Amino acid sequence: MSQHSGFHYGELPHSEYNGDALDLLWFDDSDQPFPPSELPPEKQFHDADCISMHSSSSDPNALVVGIQAGSNENLNDHRHLDLGSFVLDALGERWILDVGAESKIDQREAWEYYRVRAEGHNLPILNPSEGPDQKLDARASVALFESTPTRAAAVVDLADAYAGHASKATRTFEMVDRERVILADDIEEGWPIVDFWWFLHTAAEIEIDDLLTTATLTQNGKQLVVRIEQGPSKADFEIRDAVPLEDSPRPEQSGNEGVRKLAIHLSNITQFKIKISFTPMREGMIAEEGDIRGLL
């Protein structure tokens, strides 16, 4: 039994864990559970093409990011058009979320449903239309994965996902000092980007400052600050419902009550370069103020 299997079986007695028949089928008591602190803070899962980053492997309030790469194939199974999307946890809460699977897919194509489409994830959307908003057979490779005691970084190459709209598209995730996350998107046009959107989904309350560059997310008395650190001068935050864009397909589908989107909308751009920080507000911390957009 591997260390990770030992950890899994160590979790089974906990009342909040729901075991299933596979736990009986694969049960092996030849290894013993081990402390979560022995797990590496980062892991690249090569077969699944995803990455996890943690500020701590044992702290329930740790800063955690889960990143999706891989392939958009098998949409009729369980995959979504979500290459480059991510979730983020901190302070014991999920702040940036995935809205989940779509249960009402019937006679329509899977990519017509909001929860399957890229716009239903935490991603940029280039020139939205009634068609798929990422390439259906696209692959996104992990171009870089680094881990040190104070820093973790990963770069996902999204050029294939946005083929036909961009000549270059990379998304960089960096966990700095194990205290905050910096997300950097770098998109260069191959064809005109007439309509551009950038989305984050959250169940938290959202308050945007007067400069429209800082959003404070609040839930259960805790806060996460999302801030545009660098980017286009016209890149402003706005709040939207988690519903399809005007030009998107609208089949009968699940609602997303209780979820809203933090969004950026730009028109007629030739490139998009932005850095967004995510900072959990631990006790005694004060959010910085100021508008430093346009530095790129």
Protein backbone atom coordinates (compact mmCIF):
# COMPACT_ATOMS: atom_id res chain seq x y z
CA MET A 1 0.00 0.00 0.00
CA SER A 2 1.31 3.45 -0.85
CA GLN A 3 1.49 6.35 1.57
CA HIS A 4 -1.48 7.96 -0.15
CA SER A 5 -3.57 4.81 0.28
CA GLY A 6 -2.62 4.74 3.93
CA PHE A 7 -3.77 8.32 4.28
CA HIS A 8 -7.05 7.49 2.51
CA TYR A 9 -7.85 4.61 4.85
CA GLY A 10 -6.93 6.74 7.82
CA GLU A 11 -9.73 9.10 6.80
CA LEU A 12 -12.42 6.40 6.59
CA PRO A 13 -13.38 6.41 10.30
CA HIS A 14 -14.23 10.12 10.15
CA SER A 15 -17.98 10.66 10.16
CA GLU A 16 -17.87 13.25 7.36
CA TYR A 17 -16.24 10.80 4.92
CA ASN A 18 -18.60 8.74 2.77
CA GLY A 19 -17.01 5.40 1.95
CA ASP A 20 -18.28 3.17 -0.84
CA ALA A 21 -18.01 -0.40 -2.18
CA LEU A 22 -14.62 0.27 -3.74
CA ASP A 23 -13.16 0.83 -0.27
CA LEU A 24 -14.11 -2.76 0.59
CA LEU A 25 -12.90 -4.11 -2.74
CA TRP A 26 -9.47 -2.49 -2.49
CA PHE A 27 -9.02 -2.72 1.28
CA ASP A 28 -5.44 -3.48 2.32
CA ASP A 29 -4.37 -3.19 5.95
CA SER A 30 -0.68 -3.81 5.27
CA ASP A 31 0.20 -0.16 5.76
CA GLN A 32 -0.54 2.31 8.50
CA PRO A 33 -1.96 5.83 8.22
CA PHE A 34 0.63 8.57 8.35
CA PRO A 35 0.50 12.24 9.35
CA PRO A 36 -0.84 14.55 6.59
CA SER A 37 2.15 16.81 7.27
CA GLU A 38 4.29 14.21 5.45
CA LEU A 39 2.45 14.84 2.18
CA PRO A 40 4.26 17.12 -0.31
CA PRO A 41 2.77 20.63 -0.48
CA GLU A 42 2.50 20.40 -4.29
CA LYS A 43 1.69 17.56 -6.61
CA GLN A 44 1.42 17.23 -10.38
CA PHE A 45 -0.87 14.34 -11.30
CA HIS A 46 0.42 13.39 -14.74
CA ASP A 47 -2.30 10.94 -15.81
CA ALA A 48 -5.11 13.33 -14.85
CA ASP A 49 -3.13 16.41 -15.95
CA CYS A 50 -3.98 18.43 -12.87
CA ILE A 51 -2.00 20.16 -10.11
CA SER A 52 -2.58 20.90 -6.44
CA MET A 53 -0.75 23.49 -4.35
CA HIS A 54 -0.99 23.84 -0.56
CA SER A 55 0.40 26.30 1.94
CA SER A 56 0.28 23.40 4.42
CA SER A 57 -0.61 19.71 4.20
CA SER A 58 -2.00 19.56 7.74
CA ASP A 59 -3.61 22.96 8.43
CA PRO A 60 -7.41 22.85 7.81
CA ASN A 61 -7.26 26.61 7.11
CA ALA A 62 -4.50 26.23 4.50
CA LEU A 63 -4.41 28.09 1.20
CA VAL A 64 -5.11 25.50 -1.50
CA VAL A 65 -5.32 25.74 -5.30
CA GLY A 66 -6.45 22.98 -7.66
CA ILE A 67 -5.62 23.50 -11.36
CA GLN A 68 -7.02 21.69 -14.41
CA ALA A 69 -4.97 20.93 -17.54
CA GLY A 70 -5.28 17.90 -19.81
CA SER A 71 -7.78 17.31 -22.60
CA ASN A 72 -11.29 18.44 -23.52
CA GLU A 73 -12.18 15.05 -25.01
CA ASN A 74 -14.93 12.81 -23.57
CA LEU A 75 -17.45 15.61 -22.95
CA ASN A 76 -20.21 13.00 -23.03
CA ASP A 77 -18.55 11.26 -20.10
CA HIS A 78 -17.47 13.65 -17.34
CA ARG A 79 -15.12 16.19 -18.91
CA HIS A 80 -15.97 19.87 -19.33
CA LEU A 81 -14.50 22.66 -21.45
CA ASP A 82 -12.44 23.72 -18.44
CA LEU A 83 -8.79 23.67 -19.45
CA GLY A 84 -6.98 26.19 -17.26
CA SER A 85 -9.77 26.49 -14.70
CA PHE A 86 -9.09 26.26 -10.97
CA VAL A 87 -10.61 26.22 -7.49
CA LEU A 88 -9.21 28.02 -4.45
CA ASP A 89 -9.70 27.31 -0.74
CA ALA A 90 -8.47 29.26 2.28
CA LEU A 91 -9.45 29.84 5.91
CA GLY A 92 -11.52 26.66 5.80
CA GLU A 93 -13.76 27.98 2.98
CA ARG A 94 -14.02 27.46 -0.75
CA TRP A 95 -13.75 30.88 -2.38
CA ILE A 96 -13.36 30.17 -6.09
CA LEU A 97 -15.55 27.22 -6.99
CA ASP A 98 -16.65 24.86 -9.74
CA VAL A 99 -20.43 24.94 -10.18
CA GLY A 100 -20.51 21.17 -10.71
CA ALA A 101 -21.91 18.67 -13.17
CA GLU A 102 -24.98 19.18 -15.35
CA SER A 103 -27.73 16.64 -14.65
CA LYS A 104 -30.13 17.66 -17.46
CA ILE A 105 -28.07 16.88 -20.57
CA ASP A 106 -30.45 15.08 -22.95
CA GLN A 107 -30.67 15.55 -26.72
CA ARG A 108 -28.39 18.58 -26.95
CA GLU A 109 -24.61 18.62 -27.26
CA ALA A 110 -22.87 18.66 -23.85
CA TRP A 111 -20.97 21.85 -24.70
CA GLU A 112 -24.25 23.78 -25.04
CA TYR A 113 -24.83 23.63 -21.27
CA TYR A 114 -23.51 26.40 -19.04
CA ARG A 115 -21.93 24.10 -16.47
CA VAL A 116 -19.98 22.30 -19.20
CA ARG A 117 -18.94 25.39 -21.16
CA ALA A 118 -15.80 27.39 -20.42
CA GLU A 119 -17.97 30.35 -19.43
CA GLY A 120 -19.31 28.21 -16.57
CA HIS A 121 -15.77 27.91 -15.18
CA ASN A 122 -13.06 30.26 -13.93
CA LEU A 123 -11.62 31.17 -17.29
CA PRO A 124 -11.19 33.77 -20.03
CA ILE A 125 -13.78 33.67 -22.84
CA LEU A 126 -12.75 34.92 -26.29
CA ASN A 127 -15.39 36.00 -28.82
CA PRO A 128 -18.34 34.12 -27.22
CA SER A 129 -20.89 32.63 -29.59
CA GLU A 130 -23.42 29.80 -29.88
CA GLY A 131 -20.55 27.39 -30.55
CA PRO A 132 -18.08 25.76 -28.14
CA ASP A 133 -16.03 28.30 -26.17
CA GLN A 134 -12.93 26.11 -26.04
CA LYS A 135 -11.71 23.79 -28.81
CA LEU A 136 -13.46 20.44 -28.38
CA ASP A 137 -10.38 18.25 -28.85
CA ALA A 138 -7.89 20.67 -27.29
CA ARG A 139 -5.05 19.64 -25.04
CA ALA A 140 -3.42 21.87 -22.43
CA SER A 141 0.02 20.87 -21.23
CA VAL A 142 1.75 21.86 -18.00
CA ALA A 143 4.67 23.86 -19.38
CA LEU A 144 6.26 24.47 -15.98
CA PHE A 145 5.92 23.06 -12.48
CA GLU A 146 8.16 24.24 -9.64
CA SER A 147 8.12 23.82 -5.89
CA THR A 148 10.36 25.32 -3.18
CA PRO A 149 9.77 25.72 0.57
CA THR A 150 8.41 29.26 0.07
CA ARG A 151 7.04 29.21 -3.45
CA ALA A 152 5.15 27.07 -5.93
CA ALA A 153 4.48 27.81 -9.59
CA ALA A 154 2.78 26.20 -12.56
CA VAL A 155 2.22 27.35 -16.15
CA VAL A 156 -0.57 25.89 -18.30
CA ASP A 157 -0.35 26.33 -22.08
CA LEU A 158 -3.85 27.12 -23.38
CA ALA A 159 -2.97 27.99 -27.00
CA ASP A 160 -4.73 24.88 -28.34
CA ALA A 161 -7.84 25.52 -26.21
CA TYR A 162 -8.26 28.99 -27.77
CA ALA A 163 -7.07 28.10 -31.28
CA GLY A 164 -8.78 30.32 -33.83
CA HIS A 165 -8.84 33.24 -31.41
CA ALA A 166 -5.34 33.57 -29.97
CA SER A 167 -1.82 32.81 -31.15
CA LYS A 168 -0.58 32.49 -27.55
CA ALA A 169 -2.41 31.80 -24.31
CA THR A 170 -0.72 30.89 -21.04
CA ARG A 171 -2.00 30.88 -17.48
CA THR A 172 0.52 31.06 -14.64
CA PHE A 173 -0.28 30.22 -11.02
CA GLU A 174 2.17 31.23 -8.29
CA MET A 175 1.80 30.66 -4.55
CA VAL A 176 3.97 33.35 -2.95
CA ASP A 177 5.41 32.85 0.54
CA ARG A 178 2.65 30.28 1.11
CA GLU A 179 0.38 33.24 1.90
CA ARG A 180 -1.24 34.37 -1.37
CA VAL A 181 -1.75 33.32 -4.97
CA ILE A 182 -0.90 35.32 -8.10
CA LEU A 183 -2.73 34.39 -11.30
CA ALA A 184 -1.23 35.75 -14.54
CA ASP A 185 -2.98 35.45 -17.91
CA ASP A 186 -1.04 36.23 -21.09
CA ILE A 187 -3.09 36.11 -24.30
CA GLU A 188 -1.98 37.37 -27.70
CA GLU A 189 -4.30 37.60 -30.66
CA GLY A 190 -4.11 35.50 -33.75
CA TRP A 191 -7.44 36.88 -34.88
CA PRO A 192 -9.31 39.97 -33.62
CA ILE A 193 -10.72 39.55 -30.11
CA VAL A 194 -13.88 41.60 -30.50
CA ASP A 195 -15.50 40.47 -27.25
CA PHE A 196 -13.50 39.31 -24.22
CA TRP A 197 -14.70 38.09 -20.82
CA TRP A 198 -12.84 36.85 -17.73
CA PHE A 199 -14.76 35.00 -14.99
CA LEU A 200 -14.47 33.75 -11.41
CA HIS A 201 -17.35 31.87 -9.74
CA THR A 202 -17.99 32.21 -6.00
CA ALA A 203 -20.70 31.67 -3.41
CA ALA A 204 -19.29 34.49 -1.27
CA GLU A 205 -20.68 37.99 -1.01
CA ILE A 206 -18.74 40.34 -3.28
CA GLU A 207 -17.94 44.00 -2.61
CA ILE A 208 -15.97 45.97 -5.22
CA ASP A 209 -14.07 49.13 -4.31
CA ASP A 210 -14.58 52.53 -5.99
CA LEU A 211 -11.60 51.97 -8.30
CA LEU A 212 -13.17 48.70 -9.53
CA THR A 213 -9.83 46.93 -9.06
CA THR A 214 -10.28 45.22 -5.69
CA ALA A 215 -13.03 42.77 -4.74
CA THR A 216 -13.54 41.65 -1.15
CA LEU A 217 -15.21 38.25 -0.86
CA THR A 218 -16.94 37.51 2.44
CA GLN A 219 -18.47 34.31 3.81
CA ASN A 220 -18.96 32.99 7.32
CA GLY A 221 -17.25 36.06 8.76
CA LYS A 222 -14.06 35.46 6.76
CA GLN A 223 -12.61 37.42 3.83
CA LEU A 224 -10.52 36.91 0.72
CA VAL A 225 -9.27 39.92 -1.24
CA VAL A 226 -9.02 39.61 -5.04
CA ARG A 227 -7.05 42.44 -6.64
CA ILE A 228 -5.97 43.47 -10.13
CA GLU A 229 -2.26 44.01 -9.56
CA GLN A 230 -1.32 44.70 -13.18
CA GLY A 231 -3.36 44.83 -16.33
CA PRO A 232 -5.11 46.93 -18.97
CA SER A 233 -6.28 50.36 -17.79
CA LYS A 234 -9.87 49.49 -18.77
CA ALA A 235 -9.90 46.18 -16.90
CA ASP A 236 -12.56 46.75 -14.23
CA PHE A 237 -14.26 44.23 -11.96
CA GLU A 238 -18.02 43.77 -12.19
CA ILE A 239 -20.49 41.33 -10.64
CA ARG A 240 -22.69 39.07 -12.78
CA ASP A 241 -25.08 36.19 -12.24
CA ALA A 242 -23.86 32.68 -13.06
CA VAL A 243 -25.94 32.43 -16.25
CA PRO A 244 -25.08 32.06 -19.96
CA LEU A 245 -23.86 35.06 -21.94
CA GLU A 246 -26.29 36.69 -24.35
CA ASP A 247 -24.99 34.81 -27.42
CA SER A 248 -24.61 31.44 -25.68
CA PRO A 249 -26.92 28.43 -26.10
CA ARG A 250 -29.77 28.23 -23.59
CA PRO A 251 -31.09 24.67 -23.29
CA GLU A 252 -33.12 23.65 -20.27
CA GLN A 253 -30.49 23.25 -17.61
CA SER A 254 -29.67 23.45 -13.91
CA GLY A 255 -29.72 26.81 -12.18
CA ASN A 256 -26.81 28.17 -10.18
CA GLU A 257 -28.62 29.85 -7.32
CA GLY A 258 -26.33 31.29 -4.69
CA VAL A 259 -23.39 31.60 -7.11
CA ARG A 260 -22.20 34.84 -8.70
CA LYS A 261 -19.35 35.74 -10.99
CA LEU A 262 -16.59 38.28 -10.58
CA ALA A 263 -16.02 39.41 -14.17
CA ILE A 264 -13.88 41.58 -16.43
CA HIS A 265 -15.23 42.64 -19.85
CA LEU A 266 -13.20 44.20 -22.65
CA SER A 267 -13.85 44.84 -26.34
CA ASN A 268 -11.65 45.05 -29.44
CA ILE A 269 -8.36 44.09 -27.83
CA THR A 270 -5.18 42.80 -29.44
CA GLN A 271 -3.74 41.20 -26.31
CA PHE A 272 -4.64 40.56 -22.68
CA LYS A 273 -2.01 40.53 -19.95
CA ILE A 274 -3.11 40.67 -16.35
CA LYS A 275 -1.99 39.71 -12.84
CA ILE A 276 -4.62 39.02 -10.17
CA SER A 277 -3.77 38.39 -6.52
CA PHE A 278 -5.80 36.29 -4.07
CA THR A 279 -5.06 37.06 -0.42
CA PRO A 280 -6.81 35.38 2.54
CA MET A 281 -7.34 38.04 5.21
CA ARG A 282 -6.00 36.48 8.36
CA GLU A 283 -6.37 38.25 11.68
CA GLY A 284 -4.55 41.58 11.76
CA MET A 285 -4.10 41.92 8.00
CA ILE A 286 -5.10 45.09 6.11
CA ALA A 287 -5.84 45.12 2.38
CA GLU A 288 -3.68 47.42 0.26
CA GLU A 289 -5.30 50.21 -1.71
CA GLY A 290 -4.52 51.94 -4.99
CA ASP A 291 -4.86 51.53 -8.73
CA ILE A 292 -1.70 50.32 -10.51
CA ARG A 293 -3.28 49.01 -13.70
CA GLY A 294 -1.59 49.76 -16.98
CA LEU A 295 1.89 48.88 -15.74
CA LEU A 296 2.23 46.06 -18.24
